[in-house]
């Protein structure tokens, strides 16, 4: 899956064939290359979500907002 304007590099890795087959099925990819590309895209997107969530948490904590435990579940 070569995207316009992106360079590709030929790499050679020893990978677990069963994991590749399983990922290929889960990601509904047609080829092993597409499977790896999609998996890498998912990892990159997850890192971005984690970064944004951490930044949001930091802003929340700095805001001084307080959480009121109306159901009494947080102290348990």
PDB file of N, CA and C in Angstrom:
ATOM      1  N   UNK A   1       0.852  -1.164   0.000  1.00  0.00           N
ATOM      2  CA  UNK A   1       0.000   0.000   0.000  1.00  0.00           C
ATOM      3  C   UNK A   1       0.904   1.234   0.000  1.00  0.00           C
ATOM      4  N   UNK A   2       1.372   1.613  -1.141  1.00  0.00           N
ATOM      5  CA  UNK A   2       2.260   2.761  -1.277  1.00  0.00           C
ATOM      6  C   UNK A   2       1.426   4.014  -1.437  1.00  0.00           C
ATOM      7  N   UNK A   3       1.569   4.920  -0.500  1.00  0.00           N
ATOM      8  CA  UNK A   3       0.804   6.160  -0.555  1.00  0.00           C
ATOM      9  C   UNK A   3       1.584   7.197  -1.337  1.00  0.00           C
ATOM     10  N   UNK A   4       0.869   8.019  -2.087  1.00  0.00           N
ATOM     11  CA  UNK A   4       1.498   9.036  -2.921  1.00  0.00           C
ATOM     12  C   UNK A   4       2.373   9.952  -2.070  1.00  0.00           C
ATOM     13  N   UNK A   5       3.571  10.205  -2.554  1.00  0.00           N
ATOM     14  CA  UNK A   5       4.460  11.136  -1.877  1.00  0.00           C
ATOM     15  C   UNK A   5       5.245  10.532  -0.723  1.00  0.00           C
ATOM     16  N   UNK A   6       5.078   9.264  -0.451  1.00  0.00           N
ATOM     17  CA  UNK A   6       5.812   8.621   0.642  1.00  0.00           C
ATOM     18  C   UNK A   6       6.831   7.661   0.066  1.00  0.00           C
ATOM     19  N   UNK A   7       7.990   7.650   0.712  1.00  0.00           N
ATOM     20  CA  UNK A   7       9.030   6.725   0.279  1.00  0.00           C
ATOM     21  C   UNK A   7       8.825   5.379   0.939  1.00  0.00           C
ATOM     22  N   UNK A   8       9.161   4.350   0.236  1.00  0.00           N
ATOM     23  CA  UNK A   8       9.131   3.024   0.825  1.00  0.00           C
ATOM     24  C   UNK A   8      10.558   2.509   0.894  1.00  0.00           C
ATOM     25  N   UNK A   9      10.789   1.648   1.841  1.00  0.00           N
ATOM     26  CA  UNK A   9      12.104   1.046   2.007  1.00  0.00           C
ATOM     27  C   UNK A   9      11.936  -0.463   2.074  1.00  0.00           C
ATOM     28  N   UNK A  10      12.835  -1.156   1.437  1.00  0.00           N
ATOM     29  CA  UNK A  10      12.815  -2.613   1.486  1.00  0.00           C
ATOM     30  C   UNK A  10      13.513  -3.042   2.760  1.00  0.00           C
ATOM     31  N   UNK A  11      12.781  -3.745   3.605  1.00  0.00           N
ATOM     32  CA  UNK A  11      13.308  -4.221   4.881  1.00  0.00           C
ATOM     33  C   UNK A  11      13.095  -5.727   4.950  1.00  0.00           C
ATOM     34  N   UNK A  12      13.948  -6.377   5.641  1.00  0.00           N
ATOM     35  CA  UNK A  12      13.839  -7.823   5.797  1.00  0.00           C
ATOM     36  C   UNK A  12      13.855  -8.145   7.283  1.00  0.00           C
ATOM     37  N   UNK A  13      12.771  -8.768   7.757  1.00  0.00           N
ATOM     38  CA  UNK A  13      12.619  -9.105   9.162  1.00  0.00           C
ATOM     39  C   UNK A  13      12.231 -10.567   9.301  1.00  0.00           C
ATOM     40  N   UNK A  14      12.542 -11.120  10.433  1.00  0.00           N
ATOM     41  CA  UNK A  14      12.070 -12.463  10.776  1.00  0.00           C
ATOM     42  C   UNK A  14      10.884 -12.262  11.716  1.00  0.00           C
ATOM     43  N   UNK A  15       9.685 -12.567  11.215  1.00  0.00           N
ATOM     44  CA  UNK A  15       8.466 -12.338  11.974  1.00  0.00           C
ATOM     45  C   UNK A  15       7.707 -13.645  12.148  1.00  0.00           C
ATOM     46  N   UNK A  16       6.940 -13.729  13.208  1.00  0.00           N
ATOM     47  CA  UNK A  16       6.119 -14.892  13.498  1.00  0.00           C
ATOM     48  C   UNK A  16       4.995 -14.967  12.460  1.00  0.00           C
ATOM     49  N   UNK A  17       5.002 -16.020  11.659  1.00  0.00           N
ATOM     50  CA  UNK A  17       4.028 -16.166  10.572  1.00  0.00           C
ATOM     51  C   UNK A  17       2.598 -16.252  11.100  1.00  0.00           C
ATOM     52  N   UNK A  18       2.415 -16.888  12.237  1.00  0.00           N
ATOM     53  CA  UNK A  18       1.064 -17.010  12.805  1.00  0.00           C
ATOM     54  C   UNK A  18       0.533 -15.641  13.213  1.00  0.00           C
ATOM     55  N   UNK A  19       1.398 -14.801  13.774  1.00  0.00           N
ATOM     56  CA  UNK A  19       0.973 -13.450  14.150  1.00  0.00           C
ATOM     57  C   UNK A  19       0.610 -12.636  12.919  1.00  0.00           C
ATOM     58  N   UNK A  20       1.380 -12.778  11.862  1.00  0.00           N
ATOM     59  CA  UNK A  20       1.082 -12.051  10.618  1.00  0.00           C
ATOM     60  C   UNK A  20      -0.263 -12.512  10.063  1.00  0.00           C
ATOM     61  N   UNK A  21      -0.503 -13.819  10.032  1.00  0.00           N
ATOM     62  CA  UNK A  21      -1.787 -14.328   9.520  1.00  0.00           C
ATOM     63  C   UNK A  21      -2.945 -13.824  10.364  1.00  0.00           C
ATOM     64  N   UNK A  22      -2.770 -13.855  11.680  1.00  0.00           N
ATOM     65  CA  UNK A  22      -3.843 -13.397  12.566  1.00  0.00           C
ATOM     66  C   UNK A  22      -4.103 -11.904  12.384  1.00  0.00           C
ATOM     67  N   UNK A  23      -3.043 -11.114  12.340  1.00  0.00           N
ATOM     68  CA  UNK A  23      -3.190  -9.667  12.136  1.00  0.00           C
ATOM     69  C   UNK A  23      -3.826  -9.381  10.778  1.00  0.00           C
ATOM     70  N   UNK A  24      -3.435 -10.142   9.770  1.00  0.00           N
ATOM     71  CA  UNK A  24      -3.993  -9.968   8.422  1.00  0.00           C
ATOM     72  C   UNK A  24      -5.500 -10.192   8.442  1.00  0.00           C
ATOM     73  N   UNK A  25      -5.921 -11.216   9.176  1.00  0.00           N
ATOM     74  CA  UNK A  25      -7.353 -11.523   9.282  1.00  0.00           C
ATOM     75  C   UNK A  25      -8.067 -10.430  10.076  1.00  0.00           C
ATOM     76  N   UNK A  26      -7.498 -10.028  11.207  1.00  0.00           N
ATOM     77  CA  UNK A  26      -8.120  -9.017  12.066  1.00  0.00           C
ATOM     78  C   UNK A  26      -8.236  -7.680  11.335  1.00  0.00           C
ATOM     79  N   UNK A  27      -7.180  -7.308  10.621  1.00  0.00           N
ATOM     80  CA  UNK A  27      -7.149  -6.014   9.928  1.00  0.00           C
ATOM     81  C   UNK A  27      -7.803  -6.061   8.548  1.00  0.00           C
ATOM     82  N   UNK A  28      -8.211  -7.258   8.137  1.00  0.00           N
ATOM     83  CA  UNK A  28      -8.836  -7.463   6.820  1.00  0.00           C
ATOM     84  C   UNK A  28      -7.954  -6.912   5.698  1.00  0.00           C
ATOM     85  N   UNK A  29      -6.684  -7.221   5.810  1.00  0.00           N
ATOM     86  CA  UNK A  29      -5.710  -6.770   4.806  1.00  0.00           C
ATOM     87  C   UNK A  29      -5.567  -7.843   3.733  1.00  0.00           C
ATOM     88  N   UNK A  30      -5.205  -7.399   2.534  1.00  0.00           N
ATOM     89  CA  UNK A  30      -5.041  -8.337   1.423  1.00  0.00           C
ATOM     90  C   UNK A  30      -3.643  -8.945   1.375  1.00  0.00           C
ATOM     91  N   UNK A  31      -2.647  -8.205   1.820  1.00  0.00           N
ATOM     92  CA  UNK A  31      -1.266  -8.675   1.746  1.00  0.00           C
ATOM     93  C   UNK A  31      -0.584  -8.525   3.103  1.00  0.00           C
ATOM     94  N   UNK A  32       0.551  -9.168   3.235  1.00  0.00           N
ATOM     95  CA  UNK A  32       1.322  -9.030   4.465  1.00  0.00           C
ATOM     96  C   UNK A  32       1.856  -7.608   4.610  1.00  0.00           C
ATOM     97  N   UNK A  33       2.254  -7.009   3.511  1.00  0.00           N
ATOM     98  CA  UNK A  33       2.744  -5.629   3.556  1.00  0.00           C
ATOM     99  C   UNK A  33       1.648  -4.690   4.039  1.00  0.00           C
ATOM    100  N   UNK A  34       0.445  -4.861   3.518  1.00  0.00           N
ATOM    101  CA  UNK A  34      -0.678  -4.036   3.935  1.00  0.00           C
ATOM    102  C   UNK A  34      -0.982  -4.271   5.422  1.00  0.00           C
ATOM    103  N   UNK A  35      -0.844  -5.507   5.867  1.00  0.00           N
ATOM    104  CA  UNK A  35      -1.059  -5.838   7.272  1.00  0.00           C
ATOM    105  C   UNK A  35      -0.100  -5.057   8.150  1.00  0.00           C
ATOM    106  N   UNK A  36       1.175  -5.074   7.804  1.00  0.00           N
ATOM    107  CA  UNK A  36       2.181  -4.375   8.599  1.00  0.00           C
ATOM    108  C   UNK A  36       1.959  -2.873   8.547  1.00  0.00           C
ATOM    109  N   UNK A  37       1.622  -2.343   7.379  1.00  0.00           N
ATOM    110  CA  UNK A  37       1.346  -0.905   7.245  1.00  0.00           C
ATOM    111  C   UNK A  37       0.181  -0.499   8.145  1.00  0.00           C
ATOM    112  N   UNK A  38      -0.897  -1.271   8.118  1.00  0.00           N
ATOM    113  CA  UNK A  38      -2.064  -0.949   8.946  1.00  0.00           C
ATOM    114  C   UNK A  38      -1.732  -1.052  10.429  1.00  0.00           C
ATOM    115  N   UNK A  39      -0.974  -2.074  10.799  1.00  0.00           N
ATOM    116  CA  UNK A  39      -0.589  -2.232  12.204  1.00  0.00           C
ATOM    117  C   UNK A  39       0.259  -1.046  12.662  1.00  0.00           C
ATOM    118  N   UNK A  40       1.195  -0.611  11.836  1.00  0.00           N
ATOM    119  CA  UNK A  40       2.013   0.546  12.179  1.00  0.00           C
ATOM    120  C   UNK A  40       1.156   1.803  12.292  1.00  0.00           C
ATOM    121  N   UNK A  41       0.196   1.972  11.386  1.00  0.00           N
ATOM    122  CA  UNK A  41      -0.718   3.119  11.464  1.00  0.00           C
ATOM    123  C   UNK A  41      -1.497   3.113  12.778  1.00  0.00           C
ATOM    124  N   UNK A  42      -1.932   1.931  13.203  1.00  0.00           N
ATOM    125  CA  UNK A  42      -2.671   1.822  14.465  1.00  0.00           C
ATOM    126  C   UNK A  42      -1.790   2.188  15.662  1.00  0.00           C
ATOM    127  N   UNK A  43      -0.551   1.751  15.653  1.00  0.00           N
ATOM    128  CA  UNK A  43       0.373   2.069  16.745  1.00  0.00           C
ATOM    129  C   UNK A  43       0.620   3.573  16.808  1.00  0.00           C
ATOM    130  N   UNK A  44       0.815   4.186  15.656  1.00  0.00           N
ATOM    131  CA  UNK A  44       1.054   5.633  15.595  1.00  0.00           C
ATOM    132  C   UNK A  44      -0.174   6.401  16.073  1.00  0.00           C
ATOM    133  N   UNK A  45      -1.366   5.965  15.654  1.00  0.00           N
ATOM    134  CA  UNK A  45      -2.601   6.630  16.079  1.00  0.00           C
ATOM    135  C   UNK A  45      -2.806   6.477  17.584  1.00  0.00           C
ATOM    136  N   UNK A  46      -2.491   5.300  18.132  1.00  0.00           N
ATOM    137  CA  UNK A  46      -2.624   5.070  19.565  1.00  0.00           C
ATOM    138  C   UNK A  46      -1.691   5.988  20.349  1.00  0.00           C
ATOM    139  N   UNK A  47      -0.476   6.157  19.867  1.00  0.00           N
ATOM    140  CA  UNK A  47       0.468   7.054  20.532  1.00  0.00           C
ATOM    141  C   UNK A  47      -0.047   8.482  20.528  1.00  0.00           C
ATOM    142  N   UNK A  48      -0.645   8.900  19.430  1.00  0.00           N
ATOM    143  CA  UNK A  48      -1.206  10.256  19.331  1.00  0.00           C
ATOM    144  C   UNK A  48      -2.362  10.432  20.318  1.00  0.00           C
ATOM    145  N   UNK A  49      -3.252   9.423  20.405  1.00  0.00           N
ATOM    146  CA  UNK A  49      -4.361   9.487  21.372  1.00  0.00           C
ATOM    147  C   UNK A  49      -3.830   9.561  22.796  1.00  0.00           C
ATOM    148  N   UNK A  50      -2.826   8.753  23.108  1.00  0.00           N
ATOM    149  CA  UNK A  50      -2.242   8.771  24.453  1.00  0.00           C
ATOM    150  C   UNK A  50      -1.628  10.133  24.766  1.00  0.00           C
ATOM    151  N   UNK A  51      -0.938  10.722  23.794  1.00  0.00           N
ATOM    152  CA  UNK A  51      -0.321  12.032  23.985  1.00  0.00           C
ATOM    153  C   UNK A  51      -1.384  13.098  24.241  1.00  0.00           C
ATOM    154  N   UNK A  52      -2.457  13.073  23.457  1.00  0.00           N
ATOM    155  CA  UNK A  52      -3.536  14.043  23.634  1.00  0.00           C
ATOM    156  C   UNK A  52      -4.256  13.845  24.971  1.00  0.00           C
ATOM    157  N   UNK A  53      -4.466  12.593  25.360  1.00  0.00           N
ATOM    158  CA  UNK A  53      -5.125  12.316  26.642  1.00  0.00           C
ATOM    159  C   UNK A  53      -4.260  12.807  27.805  1.00  0.00           C
ATOM    160  N   UNK A  54      -2.960  12.591  27.719  1.00  0.00           N
ATOM    161  CA  UNK A  54      -2.059  13.053  28.782  1.00  0.00           C
ATOM    162  C   UNK A  54      -2.054  14.576  28.863  1.00  0.00           C
ATOM    163  N   UNK A  55      -2.066  15.241  27.704  1.00  0.00           N
ATOM    164  CA  UNK A  55      -2.094  16.706  27.689  1.00  0.00           C
ATOM    165  C   UNK A  55      -3.412  17.223  28.272  1.00  0.00           C
ATOM    166  N   UNK A  56      -4.508  16.559  27.954  1.00  0.00           N
ATOM    167  CA  UNK A  56      -5.810  16.946  28.490  1.00  0.00           C
ATOM    168  C   UNK A  56      -5.849  16.753  29.998  1.00  0.00           C
ATOM    169  N   UNK A  57      -5.340  15.637  30.481  1.00  0.00           N
ATOM    170  CA  UNK A  57      -5.289  15.385  31.923  1.00  0.00           C
ATOM    171  C   UNK A  57      -4.441  16.452  32.618  1.00  0.00           C
ATOM    172  N   UNK A  58      -3.309  16.788  32.034  1.00  0.00           N
ATOM    173  CA  UNK A  58      -2.438  17.809  32.620  1.00  0.00           C
ATOM    174  C   UNK A  58      -3.164  19.153  32.720  1.00  0.00           C
ATOM    175  N   UNK A  59      -3.882  19.533  31.664  1.00  0.00           N
ATOM    176  CA  UNK A  59      -4.643  20.786  31.696  1.00  0.00           C
ATOM    177  C   UNK A  59      -5.728  20.735  32.762  1.00  0.00           C
ATOM    178  N   UNK A  60      -6.399  19.589  32.875  1.00  0.00           N
ATOM    179  CA  UNK A  60      -7.449  19.435  33.882  1.00  0.00           C
ATOM    180  C   UNK A  60      -6.874  19.580  35.288  1.00  0.00           C
ATOM    181  N   UNK A  61      -5.767  18.914  35.550  1.00  0.00           N
ATOM    182  CA  UNK A  61      -5.164  18.982  36.881  1.00  0.00           C
ATOM    183  C   UNK A  61      -4.691  20.391  37.214  1.00  0.00           C
ATOM    184  N   UNK A  62      -4.155  21.105  36.232  1.00  0.00           N
ATOM    185  CA  UNK A  62      -3.701  22.472  36.460  1.00  0.00           C
ATOM    186  C   UNK A  62      -4.864  23.442  36.645  1.00  0.00           C
ATOM    187  N   UNK A  63      -6.053  23.086  36.152  1.00  0.00           N
ATOM    188  CA  UNK A  63      -7.205  23.985  36.222  1.00  0.00           C
ATOM    189  C   UNK A  63      -7.721  24.151  37.649  1.00  0.00           C
ATOM    190  N   UNK A  64      -7.397  23.209  38.517  1.00  0.00           N
ATOM    191  CA  UNK A  64      -7.876  23.276  39.892  1.00  0.00           C
ATOM    192  C   UNK A  64      -9.290  22.754  40.068  1.00  0.00           C
ATOM    193  N   UNK A  65      -9.864  22.181  39.023  1.00  0.00           N
ATOM    194  CA  UNK A  65     -11.217  21.639  39.119  1.00  0.00           C
ATOM    195  C   UNK A  65     -11.245  20.521  40.154  1.00  0.00           C
ATOM    196  N   UNK A  66     -12.353  20.401  40.826  1.00  0.00           N
ATOM    197  CA  UNK A  66     -12.488  19.362  41.838  1.00  0.00           C
ATOM    198  C   UNK A  66     -13.578  18.392  41.421  1.00  0.00           C
ATOM    199  N   UNK A  67     -13.374  17.142  41.789  1.00  0.00           N
ATOM    200  CA  UNK A  67     -14.353  16.096  41.486  1.00  0.00           C
ATOM    201  C   UNK A  67     -15.154  15.828  42.744  1.00  0.00           C
ATOM    202  N   UNK A  68     -16.472  15.886  42.634  1.00  0.00           N
ATOM    203  CA  UNK A  68     -17.344  15.608  43.773  1.00  0.00           C
ATOM    204  C   UNK A  68     -17.876  14.173  43.610  1.00  0.00           C
ATOM    205  N   UNK A  69     -17.613  13.361  44.587  1.00  0.00           N
ATOM    206  CA  UNK A  69     -18.018  11.946  44.563  1.00  0.00           C
ATOM    207  C   UNK A  69     -19.448  11.813  45.054  1.00  0.00           C
ATOM    208  N   UNK A  70     -20.419  12.072  44.177  1.00  0.00           N
ATOM    209  CA  UNK A  70     -21.832  12.079  44.586  1.00  0.00           C
ATOM    210  C   UNK A  70     -22.354  10.673  44.879  1.00  0.00           C
ATOM    211  N   UNK A  71     -21.702   9.627  44.379  1.00  0.00           N
ATOM    212  CA  UNK A  71     -22.159   8.269  44.614  1.00  0.00           C
ATOM    213  C   UNK A  71     -21.327   7.544  45.670  1.00  0.00           C
ATOM    214  N   UNK A  72     -20.288   8.175  46.186  1.00  0.00           N
ATOM    215  CA  UNK A  72     -19.461   7.555  47.204  1.00  0.00           C
ATOM    216  C   UNK A  72     -18.641   6.381  46.729  1.00  0.00           C
ATOM    217  N   UNK A  73     -18.273   6.368  45.463  1.00  0.00           N
ATOM    218  CA  UNK A  73     -17.539   5.232  44.878  1.00  0.00           C
ATOM    219  C   UNK A  73     -16.030   5.441  44.845  1.00  0.00           C
ATOM    220  N   UNK A  74     -15.563   6.670  44.890  1.00  0.00           N
ATOM    221  CA  UNK A  74     -14.137   6.930  44.743  1.00  0.00           C
ATOM    222  C   UNK A  74     -13.333   6.584  45.976  1.00  0.00           C
ATOM    223  N   UNK A  75     -13.931   6.629  47.137  1.00  0.00           N
ATOM    224  CA  UNK A  75     -13.197   6.335  48.363  1.00  0.00           C
ATOM    225  C   UNK A  75     -13.133   4.842  48.679  1.00  0.00           C
ATOM    226  N   UNK A  76     -13.885   4.045  47.942  1.00  0.00           N
ATOM    227  CA  UNK A  76     -13.939   2.606  48.202  1.00  0.00           C
ATOM    228  C   UNK A  76     -12.726   1.885  47.673  1.00  0.00           C
TER     229      UNK A  76
END
